[in-house]
Amino acid sequence: MTTWQAVRVIAGAFILISLALGTPGSPLFVSPWWLAFTAFVGINLLQSGLTKWCLMETILRKLGLRPGA
C-alpha cells in the first residue's frame, strides 16, 4: 500500500468512526462534539488537495510506507 492509499483509508475510517460517535441516531453515539473531528478531517483533506502537502502522508513515509505515484 502506498502513502496516498493509506491516507485515504485512514481519512475514510476517521470520518465513519466520528460520524458513528457523533450522530444522535447512532447506536454508538457518545457526543455531538465528535462531528467537529469529522470537520477537522474534511478541512485537512481540502487543505492537502489545495497545497499538495499532507501531514499524514509525511508521517506514513517516515514510518516506512512507500510514496504514492
PDB file of N, CA and C in Angstrom:
ATOM      1  N   MET A   1       0.856  -1.173   0.000  1.00  0.00           N
ATOM      2  CA  MET A   1       0.000   0.000   0.000  1.00  0.00           C
ATOM      3  C   MET A   1       0.903   1.238   0.000  1.00  0.00           C
ATOM      4  N   THR A   2       0.545   2.204  -0.817  1.00  0.00           N
ATOM      5  CA  THR A   2       1.316   3.444  -0.872  1.00  0.00           C
ATOM      6  C   THR A   2       0.756   4.456   0.125  1.00  0.00           C
ATOM      7  N   THR A   3       1.513   5.544   0.335  1.00  0.00           N
ATOM      8  CA  THR A   3       1.088   6.538   1.321  1.00  0.00           C
ATOM      9  C   THR A   3      -0.235   7.187   0.940  1.00  0.00           C
ATOM     10  N   TRP A   4      -0.429   7.496  -0.344  1.00  0.00           N
ATOM     11  CA  TRP A   4      -1.687   8.168  -0.715  1.00  0.00           C
ATOM     12  C   TRP A   4      -2.878   7.245  -0.525  1.00  0.00           C
ATOM     13  N   GLN A   5      -2.700   5.943  -0.725  1.00  0.00           N
ATOM     14  CA  GLN A   5      -3.789   4.998  -0.476  1.00  0.00           C
ATOM     15  C   GLN A   5      -4.077   4.903   1.022  1.00  0.00           C
ATOM     16  N   ALA A   6      -3.027   4.852   1.828  1.00  0.00           N
ATOM     17  CA  ALA A   6      -3.198   4.752   3.279  1.00  0.00           C
ATOM     18  C   ALA A   6      -3.871   6.007   3.832  1.00  0.00           C
ATOM     19  N   VAL A   7      -3.518   7.178   3.319  1.00  0.00           N
ATOM     20  CA  VAL A   7      -4.144   8.423   3.777  1.00  0.00           C
ATOM     21  C   VAL A   7      -5.641   8.369   3.530  1.00  0.00           C
ATOM     22  N   ARG A   8      -6.061   7.912   2.373  1.00  0.00           N
ATOM     23  CA  ARG A   8      -7.489   7.852   2.058  1.00  0.00           C
ATOM     24  C   ARG A   8      -8.215   6.822   2.916  1.00  0.00           C
ATOM     25  N   VAL A   9      -7.571   5.701   3.180  1.00  0.00           N
ATOM     26  CA  VAL A   9      -8.175   4.678   4.047  1.00  0.00           C
ATOM     27  C   VAL A   9      -8.316   5.218   5.475  1.00  0.00           C
ATOM     28  N   ILE A  10      -7.277   5.856   5.985  1.00  0.00           N
ATOM     29  CA  ILE A  10      -7.306   6.404   7.342  1.00  0.00           C
ATOM     30  C   ILE A  10      -8.351   7.506   7.444  1.00  0.00           C
ATOM     31  N   ALA A  11      -8.372   8.429   6.470  1.00  0.00           N
ATOM     32  CA  ALA A  11      -9.346   9.527   6.494  1.00  0.00           C
ATOM     33  C   ALA A  11     -10.777   8.984   6.439  1.00  0.00           C
ATOM     34  N   GLY A  12     -11.020   8.017   5.575  1.00  0.00           N
ATOM     35  CA  GLY A  12     -12.352   7.422   5.490  1.00  0.00           C
ATOM     36  C   GLY A  12     -12.763   6.752   6.786  1.00  0.00           C
ATOM     37  N   ALA A  13     -11.829   6.034   7.400  1.00  0.00           N
ATOM     38  CA  ALA A  13     -12.126   5.371   8.678  1.00  0.00           C
ATOM     39  C   ALA A  13     -12.403   6.402   9.777  1.00  0.00           C
ATOM     40  N   PHE A  14     -11.583   7.463   9.834  1.00  0.00           N
ATOM     41  CA  PHE A  14     -11.800   8.520  10.831  1.00  0.00           C
ATOM     42  C   PHE A  14     -13.174   9.161  10.654  1.00  0.00           C
ATOM     43  N   ILE A  15     -13.558   9.430   9.426  1.00  0.00           N
ATOM     44  CA  ILE A  15     -14.846  10.069   9.166  1.00  0.00           C
ATOM     45  C   ILE A  15     -15.995   9.150   9.588  1.00  0.00           C
ATOM     46  N   LEU A  16     -15.939   7.895   9.195  1.00  0.00           N
ATOM     47  CA  LEU A  16     -17.014   6.965   9.552  1.00  0.00           C
ATOM     48  C   LEU A  16     -17.117   6.757  11.061  1.00  0.00           C
ATOM     49  N   ILE A  17     -15.977   6.635  11.724  1.00  0.00           N
ATOM     50  CA  ILE A  17     -15.979   6.439  13.173  1.00  0.00           C
ATOM     51  C   ILE A  17     -16.530   7.666  13.888  1.00  0.00           C
ATOM     52  N   SER A  18     -16.068   8.863  13.465  1.00  0.00           N
ATOM     53  CA  SER A  18     -16.537  10.072  14.143  1.00  0.00           C
ATOM     54  C   SER A  18     -18.015  10.343  13.857  1.00  0.00           C
ATOM     55  N   LEU A  19     -18.505   9.963  12.683  1.00  0.00           N
ATOM     56  CA  LEU A  19     -19.943  10.085  12.414  1.00  0.00           C
ATOM     57  C   LEU A  19     -20.746   9.127  13.294  1.00  0.00           C
ATOM     58  N   ALA A  20     -20.241   7.909  13.460  1.00  0.00           N
ATOM     59  CA  ALA A  20     -20.937   6.943  14.309  1.00  0.00           C
ATOM     60  C   ALA A  20     -20.978   7.411  15.762  1.00  0.00           C
ATOM     61  N   LEU A  21     -19.906   8.070  16.210  1.00  0.00           N
ATOM     62  CA  LEU A  21     -19.846   8.536  17.597  1.00  0.00           C
ATOM     63  C   LEU A  21     -20.555   9.867  17.817  1.00  0.00           C
ATOM     64  N   GLY A  22     -20.803  10.629  16.722  1.00  0.00           N
ATOM     65  CA  GLY A  22     -21.363  11.961  16.876  1.00  0.00           C
ATOM     66  C   GLY A  22     -22.778  12.162  16.403  1.00  0.00           C
ATOM     67  N   THR A  23     -23.358  11.188  15.709  1.00  0.00           N
ATOM     68  CA  THR A  23     -24.722  11.317  15.212  1.00  0.00           C
ATOM     69  C   THR A  23     -25.692  10.760  16.252  1.00  0.00           C
ATOM     70  N   PRO A  24     -26.641  11.595  16.710  1.00  0.00           N
ATOM     71  CA  PRO A  24     -27.545  11.150  17.787  1.00  0.00           C
ATOM     72  C   PRO A  24     -28.330   9.869  17.486  1.00  0.00           C
ATOM     73  N   GLY A  25     -28.628   9.558  16.252  1.00  0.00           N
ATOM     74  CA  GLY A  25     -29.374   8.348  15.935  1.00  0.00           C
ATOM     75  C   GLY A  25     -28.541   7.081  15.929  1.00  0.00           C
ATOM     76  N   SER A  26     -27.233   7.215  16.067  1.00  0.00           N
ATOM     77  CA  SER A  26     -26.336   6.064  16.009  1.00  0.00           C
ATOM     78  C   SER A  26     -26.358   5.277  17.313  1.00  0.00           C
ATOM     79  N   PRO A  27     -26.280   3.949  17.228  1.00  0.00           N
ATOM     80  CA  PRO A  27     -26.206   3.154  18.463  1.00  0.00           C
ATOM     81  C   PRO A  27     -24.882   3.355  19.214  1.00  0.00           C
ATOM     82  N   LEU A  28     -23.888   3.926  18.558  1.00  0.00           N
ATOM     83  CA  LEU A  28     -22.592   4.178  19.184  1.00  0.00           C
ATOM     84  C   LEU A  28     -22.442   5.627  19.652  1.00  0.00           C
ATOM     85  N   PHE A  29     -23.524   6.382  19.627  1.00  0.00           N
ATOM     86  CA  PHE A  29     -23.482   7.820  19.939  1.00  0.00           C
ATOM     87  C   PHE A  29     -22.842   8.085  21.301  1.00  0.00           C
ATOM     88  N   VAL A  30     -21.909   9.048  21.308  1.00  0.00           N
ATOM     89  CA  VAL A  30     -21.257   9.478  22.541  1.00  0.00           C
ATOM     90  C   VAL A  30     -21.539  10.956  22.789  1.00  0.00           C
ATOM     91  N   SER A  31     -21.210  11.782  21.791  1.00  0.00           N
ATOM     92  CA  SER A  31     -21.380  13.223  21.929  1.00  0.00           C
ATOM     93  C   SER A  31     -21.412  13.863  20.541  1.00  0.00           C
ATOM     94  N   PRO A  32     -22.203  14.913  20.361  1.00  0.00           N
ATOM     95  CA  PRO A  32     -22.205  15.586  19.054  1.00  0.00           C
ATOM     96  C   PRO A  32     -20.879  16.284  18.758  1.00  0.00           C
ATOM     97  N   TRP A  33     -20.029  16.452  19.750  1.00  0.00           N
ATOM     98  CA  TRP A  33     -18.723  17.065  19.531  1.00  0.00           C
ATOM     99  C   TRP A  33     -17.820  16.223  18.635  1.00  0.00           C
ATOM    100  N   TRP A  34     -18.137  14.934  18.465  1.00  0.00           N
ATOM    101  CA  TRP A  34     -17.364  14.096  17.551  1.00  0.00           C
ATOM    102  C   TRP A  34     -17.497  14.590  16.111  1.00  0.00           C
ATOM    103  N   LEU A  35     -18.567  15.316  15.818  1.00  0.00           N
ATOM    104  CA  LEU A  35     -18.740  15.857  14.468  1.00  0.00           C
ATOM    105  C   LEU A  35     -17.695  16.926  14.165  1.00  0.00           C
ATOM    106  N   ALA A  36     -17.131  17.558  15.188  1.00  0.00           N
ATOM    107  CA  ALA A  36     -16.037  18.503  14.983  1.00  0.00           C
ATOM    108  C   ALA A  36     -14.816  17.778  14.427  1.00  0.00           C
ATOM    109  N   PHE A  37     -14.600  16.542  14.858  1.00  0.00           N
ATOM    110  CA  PHE A  37     -13.484  15.744  14.316  1.00  0.00           C
ATOM    111  C   PHE A  37     -13.724  15.434  12.842  1.00  0.00           C
ATOM    112  N   THR A  38     -14.977  15.155  12.477  1.00  0.00           N
ATOM    113  CA  THR A  38     -15.322  14.934  11.074  1.00  0.00           C
ATOM    114  C   THR A  38     -14.969  16.171  10.252  1.00  0.00           C
ATOM    115  N   ALA A  39     -15.321  17.349  10.764  1.00  0.00           N
ATOM    116  CA  ALA A  39     -15.000  18.597  10.073  1.00  0.00           C
ATOM    117  C   ALA A  39     -13.486  18.792   9.975  1.00  0.00           C
ATOM    118  N   PHE A  40     -12.763  18.458  11.022  1.00  0.00           N
ATOM    119  CA  PHE A  40     -11.307  18.576  11.024  1.00  0.00           C
ATOM    120  C   PHE A  40     -10.683  17.719   9.922  1.00  0.00           C
ATOM    121  N   VAL A  41     -11.136  16.492   9.784  1.00  0.00           N
ATOM    122  CA  VAL A  41     -10.619  15.606   8.740  1.00  0.00           C
ATOM    123  C   VAL A  41     -10.946  16.182   7.359  1.00  0.00           C
ATOM    124  N   GLY A  42     -12.172  16.668   7.197  1.00  0.00           N
ATOM    125  CA  GLY A  42     -12.560  17.263   5.922  1.00  0.00           C
ATOM    126  C   GLY A  42     -11.724  18.478   5.564  1.00  0.00           C
ATOM    127  N   ILE A  43     -11.458  19.335   6.551  1.00  0.00           N
ATOM    128  CA  ILE A  43     -10.621  20.520   6.322  1.00  0.00           C
ATOM    129  C   ILE A  43      -9.203  20.101   5.928  1.00  0.00           C
ATOM    130  N   ASN A  44      -8.672  19.066   6.580  1.00  0.00           N
ATOM    131  CA  ASN A  44      -7.336  18.592   6.229  1.00  0.00           C
ATOM    132  C   ASN A  44      -7.296  18.014   4.821  1.00  0.00           C
ATOM    133  N   LEU A  45      -8.352  17.299   4.412  1.00  0.00           N
ATOM    134  CA  LEU A  45      -8.399  16.781   3.044  1.00  0.00           C
ATOM    135  C   LEU A  45      -8.447  17.920   2.033  1.00  0.00           C
ATOM    136  N   LEU A  46      -9.235  18.948   2.322  1.00  0.00           N
ATOM    137  CA  LEU A  46      -9.315  20.114   1.454  1.00  0.00           C
ATOM    138  C   LEU A  46      -7.956  20.818   1.373  1.00  0.00           C
ATOM    139  N   GLN A  47      -7.338  21.035   2.511  1.00  0.00           N
ATOM    140  CA  GLN A  47      -6.017  21.681   2.548  1.00  0.00           C
ATOM    141  C   GLN A  47      -4.990  20.893   1.752  1.00  0.00           C
ATOM    142  N   SER A  48      -4.969  19.570   1.916  1.00  0.00           N
ATOM    143  CA  SER A  48      -3.969  18.769   1.204  1.00  0.00           C
ATOM    144  C   SER A  48      -4.228  18.758  -0.299  1.00  0.00           C
ATOM    145  N   GLY A  49      -5.478  18.849  -0.689  1.00  0.00           N
ATOM    146  CA  GLY A  49      -5.785  18.922  -2.114  1.00  0.00           C
ATOM    147  C   GLY A  49      -5.353  20.234  -2.736  1.00  0.00           C
ATOM    148  N   LEU A  50      -5.432  21.322  -1.967  1.00  0.00           N
ATOM    149  CA  LEU A  50      -5.059  22.639  -2.488  1.00  0.00           C
ATOM    150  C   LEU A  50      -3.554  22.893  -2.441  1.00  0.00           C
ATOM    151  N   THR A  51      -2.890  22.398  -1.398  1.00  0.00           N
ATOM    152  CA  THR A  51      -1.461  22.678  -1.233  1.00  0.00           C
ATOM    153  C   THR A  51      -0.563  21.547  -1.707  1.00  0.00           C
ATOM    154  N   LYS A  52      -1.138  20.382  -1.976  1.00  0.00           N
ATOM    155  CA  LYS A  52      -0.380  19.189  -2.381  1.00  0.00           C
ATOM    156  C   LYS A  52       0.598  18.734  -1.292  1.00  0.00           C
ATOM    157  N   TRP A  53       0.263  19.015  -0.018  1.00  0.00           N
ATOM    158  CA  TRP A  53       1.045  18.554   1.124  1.00  0.00           C
ATOM    159  C   TRP A  53       0.102  18.027   2.188  1.00  0.00           C
ATOM    160  N   CYS A  54       0.441  16.869   2.744  1.00  0.00           N
ATOM    161  CA  CYS A  54      -0.403  16.241   3.749  1.00  0.00           C
ATOM    162  C   CYS A  54       0.482  15.732   4.882  1.00  0.00           C
ATOM    163  N   LEU A  55       0.194  16.188   6.102  1.00  0.00           N
ATOM    164  CA  LEU A  55       0.984  15.774   7.257  1.00  0.00           C
ATOM    165  C   LEU A  55       0.917  14.260   7.463  1.00  0.00           C
ATOM    166  N   MET A  56      -0.267  13.675   7.295  1.00  0.00           N
ATOM    167  CA  MET A  56      -0.409  12.228   7.477  1.00  0.00           C
ATOM    168  C   MET A  56       0.475  11.465   6.491  1.00  0.00           C
ATOM    169  N   GLU A  57       0.556  11.943   5.271  1.00  0.00           N
ATOM    170  CA  GLU A  57       1.399  11.285   4.270  1.00  0.00           C
ATOM    171  C   GLU A  57       2.873  11.371   4.663  1.00  0.00           C
ATOM    172  N   THR A  58       3.284  12.507   5.196  1.00  0.00           N
ATOM    173  CA  THR A  58       4.662  12.673   5.665  1.00  0.00           C
ATOM    174  C   THR A  58       4.954  11.701   6.805  1.00  0.00           C
ATOM    175  N   ILE A  59       4.018  11.584   7.732  1.00  0.00           N
ATOM    176  CA  ILE A  59       4.190  10.659   8.864  1.00  0.00           C
ATOM    177  C   ILE A  59       4.284   9.215   8.366  1.00  0.00           C
ATOM    178  N   LEU A  60       3.412   8.853   7.449  1.00  0.00           N
ATOM    179  CA  LEU A  60       3.418   7.481   6.932  1.00  0.00           C
ATOM    180  C   LEU A  60       4.709   7.166   6.177  1.00  0.00           C
ATOM    181  N   ARG A  61       5.250   8.153   5.455  1.00  0.00           N
ATOM    182  CA  ARG A  61       6.523   7.955   4.765  1.00  0.00           C
ATOM    183  C   ARG A  61       7.639   7.701   5.767  1.00  0.00           C
ATOM    184  N   LYS A  62       7.645   8.446   6.878  1.00  0.00           N
ATOM    185  CA  LYS A  62       8.668   8.257   7.906  1.00  0.00           C
ATOM    186  C   LYS A  62       8.522   6.903   8.603  1.00  0.00           C
ATOM    187  N   LEU A  63       7.294   6.349   8.590  1.00  0.00           N
ATOM    188  CA  LEU A  63       7.065   5.030   9.177  1.00  0.00           C
ATOM    189  C   LEU A  63       7.436   3.897   8.222  1.00  0.00           C
ATOM    190  N   GLY A  64       7.796   4.251   6.973  1.00  0.00           N
ATOM    191  CA  GLY A  64       8.300   3.247   6.056  1.00  0.00           C
ATOM    192  C   GLY A  64       7.403   2.897   4.890  1.00  0.00           C
ATOM    193  N   LEU A  65       6.223   3.488   4.781  1.00  0.00           N
ATOM    194  CA  LEU A  65       5.391   3.212   3.619  1.00  0.00           C
ATOM    195  C   LEU A  65       6.008   3.883   2.391  1.00  0.00           C
ATOM    196  N   ARG A  66       5.869   3.258   1.248  1.00  0.00           N
ATOM    197  CA  ARG A  66       6.471   3.834   0.046  1.00  0.00           C
ATOM    198  C   ARG A  66       5.576   4.955  -0.490  1.00  0.00           C
ATOM    199  N   PRO A  67       6.202   5.979  -1.039  1.00  0.00           N
ATOM    200  CA  PRO A  67       5.439   7.110  -1.578  1.00  0.00           C
ATOM    201  C   PRO A  67       4.513   6.675  -2.703  1.00  0.00           C
ATOM    202  N   GLY A  68       3.394   7.386  -2.832  1.00  0.00           N
ATOM    203  CA  GLY A  68       2.450   7.104  -3.898  1.00  0.00           C
ATOM    204  C   GLY A  68       2.925   7.649  -5.232  1.00  0.00           C
ATOM    205  N   ALA A  69       2.288   7.199  -6.282  1.00  0.00           N
ATOM    206  CA  ALA A  69       2.682   7.633  -7.631  1.00  0.00           C
ATOM    207  C   ALA A  69       2.126   8.984  -7.964  1.00  0.00           C
TER     208      ALA A  69
END
